[in-house]
Amino acid sequence: QVQLVESGGGLVQAGGSLSLSCAASGRTFGSYAMGWFRQAPGKEREIVAGISWSGGTTYYADSVKGRFTISRDNAKNTVYLQMNSLKPEDTAVYYCAAEATYSDYIPLIRADFGSWGQGTQVTVSS
């Protein structure tokens, strides 16, 4: 497993942008698929975006396609989530997750990720 620490959350007006970062410990970061999930009050935790170990494959939930971009820098053990055109419904705690896959497979459900960060709050005001 890896240790994950998110940063970059905050308060932004609708239409604005935020960039989240997730720093991972460990020397095998490059073998992990990474995901960003979010959980709003009273709702289930849902996947927002995922990226394969090489960065060659990405996944986006329909609700964020065209607005969010996931990327990774394996040399820095970091995965990013650039969020543009934010909407009030994007308000949630955002979590970084990791799972060793050694392939271009990206897990899409919470149960398939073994390592989690502590979460960072994103609030979008209308």
C-alpha atoms as a PDB file:
ATOM      1  CA  GLN A   1       0.000   0.000   0.000  1.00  0.00           C
ATOM      2  CA  VAL A   2       0.920   3.628  -0.366  1.00  0.00           C
ATOM      3  CA  GLN A   3       0.261   6.613   1.850  1.00  0.00           C
ATOM      4  CA  LEU A   4      -1.719   9.361   0.127  1.00  0.00           C
ATOM      5  CA  VAL A   5      -2.062  13.042   1.045  1.00  0.00           C
ATOM      6  CA  GLU A   6      -4.420  15.353  -0.845  1.00  0.00           C
ATOM      7  CA  SER A   7      -4.124  19.116  -1.078  1.00  0.00           C
ATOM      8  CA  GLY A   8      -5.614  21.996  -3.010  1.00  0.00           C
ATOM      9  CA  GLY A   9      -9.233  22.036  -1.935  1.00  0.00           C
ATOM     10  CA  GLY A  10     -11.047  25.207  -1.002  1.00  0.00           C
ATOM     11  CA  LEU A  11     -13.922  27.555  -1.734  1.00  0.00           C
ATOM     12  CA  VAL A  12     -14.554  28.820  -5.246  1.00  0.00           C
ATOM     13  CA  GLN A  13     -17.409  30.510  -7.073  1.00  0.00           C
ATOM     14  CA  ALA A  14     -19.361  28.684  -9.729  1.00  0.00           C
ATOM     15  CA  GLY A  15     -17.513  28.780 -13.026  1.00  0.00           C
ATOM     16  CA  GLY A  16     -14.157  28.915 -11.308  1.00  0.00           C
ATOM     17  CA  SER A  17     -11.282  26.439 -11.176  1.00  0.00           C
ATOM     18  CA  LEU A  18      -9.378  24.452  -8.610  1.00  0.00           C
ATOM     19  CA  SER A  19      -6.462  22.073  -8.852  1.00  0.00           C
ATOM     20  CA  LEU A  20      -6.103  19.137  -6.484  1.00  0.00           C
ATOM     21  CA  SER A  21      -2.890  17.232  -5.844  1.00  0.00           C
ATOM     22  CA  CYS A  22      -2.303  13.858  -4.258  1.00  0.00           C
ATOM     23  CA  ALA A  23       1.208  13.010  -3.098  1.00  0.00           C
ATOM     24  CA  ALA A  24       2.039   9.348  -2.613  1.00  0.00           C
ATOM     25  CA  SER A  25       4.760   7.718  -0.591  1.00  0.00           C
ATOM     26  CA  GLY A  26       6.597   4.605  -1.675  1.00  0.00           C
ATOM     27  CA  ARG A  27       8.891   3.625  -4.509  1.00  0.00           C
ATOM     28  CA  THR A  28       6.307   1.720  -6.543  1.00  0.00           C
ATOM     29  CA  PHE A  29       3.936   4.586  -7.333  1.00  0.00           C
ATOM     30  CA  GLY A  30       4.360   3.913 -11.010  1.00  0.00           C
ATOM     31  CA  SER A  31       2.670   0.521 -10.649  1.00  0.00           C
ATOM     32  CA  TYR A  32      -0.538   1.993  -9.192  1.00  0.00           C
ATOM     33  CA  ALA A  33      -3.710   3.037 -10.935  1.00  0.00           C
ATOM     34  CA  MET A  34      -5.004   6.210  -9.300  1.00  0.00           C
ATOM     35  CA  GLY A  35      -8.484   7.531  -8.819  1.00  0.00           C
ATOM     36  CA  TRP A  36     -10.242  10.628  -7.580  1.00  0.00           C
ATOM     37  CA  PHE A  37     -13.529  10.058  -5.767  1.00  0.00           C
ATOM     38  CA  ARG A  38     -15.912  12.488  -4.133  1.00  0.00           C
ATOM     39  CA  GLN A  39     -18.555  12.250  -1.469  1.00  0.00           C
ATOM     40  CA  ALA A  40     -21.221  14.849  -0.871  1.00  0.00           C
ATOM     41  CA  PRO A  41     -23.229  14.912   2.375  1.00  0.00           C
ATOM     42  CA  GLY A  42     -25.798  12.144   2.429  1.00  0.00           C
ATOM     43  CA  LYS A  43     -24.532  10.596  -0.797  1.00  0.00           C
ATOM     44  CA  GLU A  44     -22.415   7.620  -1.742  1.00  0.00           C
ATOM     45  CA  ARG A  45     -18.752   8.047  -2.570  1.00  0.00           C
ATOM     46  CA  GLU A  46     -18.450   8.105  -6.361  1.00  0.00           C
ATOM     47  CA  ILE A  47     -15.572   7.973  -8.761  1.00  0.00           C
ATOM     48  CA  VAL A  48     -14.815  11.204 -10.582  1.00  0.00           C
ATOM     49  CA  ALA A  49     -11.755  10.257 -12.621  1.00  0.00           C
ATOM     50  CA  GLY A  50      -9.134   7.542 -12.907  1.00  0.00           C
ATOM     51  CA  ILE A  51      -5.766   7.113 -14.542  1.00  0.00           C
ATOM     52  CA  SER A  52      -3.735   4.011 -15.306  1.00  0.00           C
ATOM     53  CA  TRP A  53      -0.233   3.399 -14.005  1.00  0.00           C
ATOM     54  CA  SER A  54       1.385   4.714 -17.177  1.00  0.00           C
ATOM     55  CA  GLY A  55      -1.006   7.613 -17.598  1.00  0.00           C
ATOM     56  CA  GLY A  56      -1.964   6.220 -20.972  1.00  0.00           C
ATOM     57  CA  THR A  57      -5.564   5.454 -20.058  1.00  0.00           C
ATOM     58  CA  THR A  58      -7.996   7.737 -18.284  1.00  0.00           C
ATOM     59  CA  TYR A  59     -11.608   7.546 -17.159  1.00  0.00           C
ATOM     60  CA  TYR A  60     -14.078  10.319 -16.356  1.00  0.00           C
ATOM     61  CA  ALA A  61     -17.536  10.213 -14.896  1.00  0.00           C
ATOM     62  CA  ASP A  62     -20.109  11.670 -17.289  1.00  0.00           C
ATOM     63  CA  SER A  63     -20.810  14.495 -14.853  1.00  0.00           C
ATOM     64  CA  VAL A  64     -17.266  15.883 -15.165  1.00  0.00           C
ATOM     65  CA  LYS A  65     -16.288  15.052 -18.747  1.00  0.00           C
ATOM     66  CA  GLY A  66     -14.927  18.082 -20.524  1.00  0.00           C
ATOM     67  CA  ARG A  67     -14.462  19.990 -17.253  1.00  0.00           C
ATOM     68  CA  PHE A  68     -12.018  17.903 -15.185  1.00  0.00           C
ATOM     69  CA  THR A  69      -8.605  16.552 -16.186  1.00  0.00           C
ATOM     70  CA  ILE A  70      -6.645  13.883 -14.336  1.00  0.00           C
ATOM     71  CA  SER A  71      -2.903  13.572 -14.806  1.00  0.00           C
ATOM     72  CA  ARG A  72       0.091  12.098 -13.031  1.00  0.00           C
ATOM     73  CA  ASP A  73       3.798  12.652 -12.671  1.00  0.00           C
ATOM     74  CA  ASN A  74       5.417   9.368 -11.670  1.00  0.00           C
ATOM     75  CA  ALA A  75       8.764  11.064 -11.092  1.00  0.00           C
ATOM     76  CA  LYS A  76       7.099  13.187  -8.402  1.00  0.00           C
ATOM     77  CA  ASN A  77       4.786  10.447  -7.069  1.00  0.00           C
ATOM     78  CA  THR A  78       1.869  12.791  -7.595  1.00  0.00           C
ATOM     79  CA  VAL A  79      -1.521  12.682  -9.278  1.00  0.00           C
ATOM     80  CA  TYR A  80      -3.495  15.811 -10.109  1.00  0.00           C
ATOM     81  CA  LEU A  81      -7.090  16.750 -10.760  1.00  0.00           C
ATOM     82  CA  GLN A  82      -7.656  19.999 -12.629  1.00  0.00           C
ATOM     83  CA  MET A  83     -11.246  21.117 -12.174  1.00  0.00           C
ATOM     84  CA  ASN A  84     -12.655  23.827 -14.435  1.00  0.00           C
ATOM     85  CA  SER A  85     -16.119  25.306 -14.886  1.00  0.00           C
ATOM     86  CA  LEU A  86     -17.021  24.198 -11.390  1.00  0.00           C
ATOM     87  CA  LYS A  87     -20.666  23.885 -10.426  1.00  0.00           C
ATOM     88  CA  PRO A  88     -22.338  23.921  -7.001  1.00  0.00           C
ATOM     89  CA  GLU A  89     -23.096  20.223  -7.451  1.00  0.00           C
ATOM     90  CA  ASP A  90     -19.344  19.554  -7.502  1.00  0.00           C
ATOM     91  CA  THR A  91     -19.265  20.433  -3.809  1.00  0.00           C
ATOM     92  CA  ALA A  92     -17.953  17.424  -1.891  1.00  0.00           C
ATOM     93  CA  VAL A  93     -15.011  15.955  -0.057  1.00  0.00           C
ATOM     94  CA  TYR A  94     -12.588  14.734  -2.691  1.00  0.00           C
ATOM     95  CA  TYR A  95     -10.508  11.624  -2.021  1.00  0.00           C
ATOM     96  CA  CYS A  96      -7.461  10.248  -3.759  1.00  0.00           C
ATOM     97  CA  ALA A  97      -7.219   6.463  -4.083  1.00  0.00           C
ATOM     98  CA  ALA A  98      -4.602   3.995  -5.295  1.00  0.00           C
ATOM     99  CA  GLU A  99      -4.503   0.369  -6.314  1.00  0.00           C
ATOM    100  CA  ALA A 100      -1.583  -1.662  -7.654  1.00  0.00           C
ATOM    101  CA  THR A 101      -2.561  -2.950 -11.101  1.00  0.00           C
ATOM    102  CA  TYR A 102       0.663  -3.311 -13.137  1.00  0.00           C
ATOM    103  CA  SER A 103      -1.474  -2.746 -16.228  1.00  0.00           C
ATOM    104  CA  ASP A 104      -3.646  -0.157 -17.963  1.00  0.00           C
ATOM    105  CA  TYR A 105      -6.672  -1.361 -16.004  1.00  0.00           C
ATOM    106  CA  ILE A 106      -8.419   1.331 -13.972  1.00  0.00           C
ATOM    107  CA  PRO A 107     -10.639   0.217 -11.086  1.00  0.00           C
ATOM    108  CA  LEU A 108     -13.915   2.128 -11.039  1.00  0.00           C
ATOM    109  CA  ILE A 109     -15.489   1.236  -7.716  1.00  0.00           C
ATOM    110  CA  ARG A 110     -14.576   2.119  -4.163  1.00  0.00           C
ATOM    111  CA  ALA A 111     -14.076  -1.476  -3.055  1.00  0.00           C
ATOM    112  CA  ASP A 112     -11.370  -2.059  -5.660  1.00  0.00           C
ATOM    113  CA  PHE A 113      -9.032   0.587  -4.257  1.00  0.00           C
ATOM    114  CA  GLY A 114      -6.862  -0.390  -1.307  1.00  0.00           C
ATOM    115  CA  SER A 115      -5.257   2.905  -0.349  1.00  0.00           C
ATOM    116  CA  TRP A 116      -7.030   6.183   0.421  1.00  0.00           C
ATOM    117  CA  GLY A 117      -6.144   9.711   1.372  1.00  0.00           C
ATOM    118  CA  GLN A 118      -7.843  11.681   4.111  1.00  0.00           C
ATOM    119  CA  GLY A 119      -9.845  13.837   1.731  1.00  0.00           C
ATOM    120  CA  THR A 120      -9.959  17.529   0.915  1.00  0.00           C
ATOM    121  CA  GLN A 121     -13.073  19.723   0.909  1.00  0.00           C
ATOM    122  CA  VAL A 122     -14.165  21.435  -2.287  1.00  0.00           C
ATOM    123  CA  THR A 123     -16.986  23.950  -1.969  1.00  0.00           C
ATOM    124  CA  VAL A 124     -18.492  25.695  -4.975  1.00  0.00           C
ATOM    125  CA  SER A 125     -20.750  28.632  -4.230  1.00  0.00           C
ATOM    126  CA  SER A 126     -23.530  29.718  -6.555  1.00  0.00           C
END
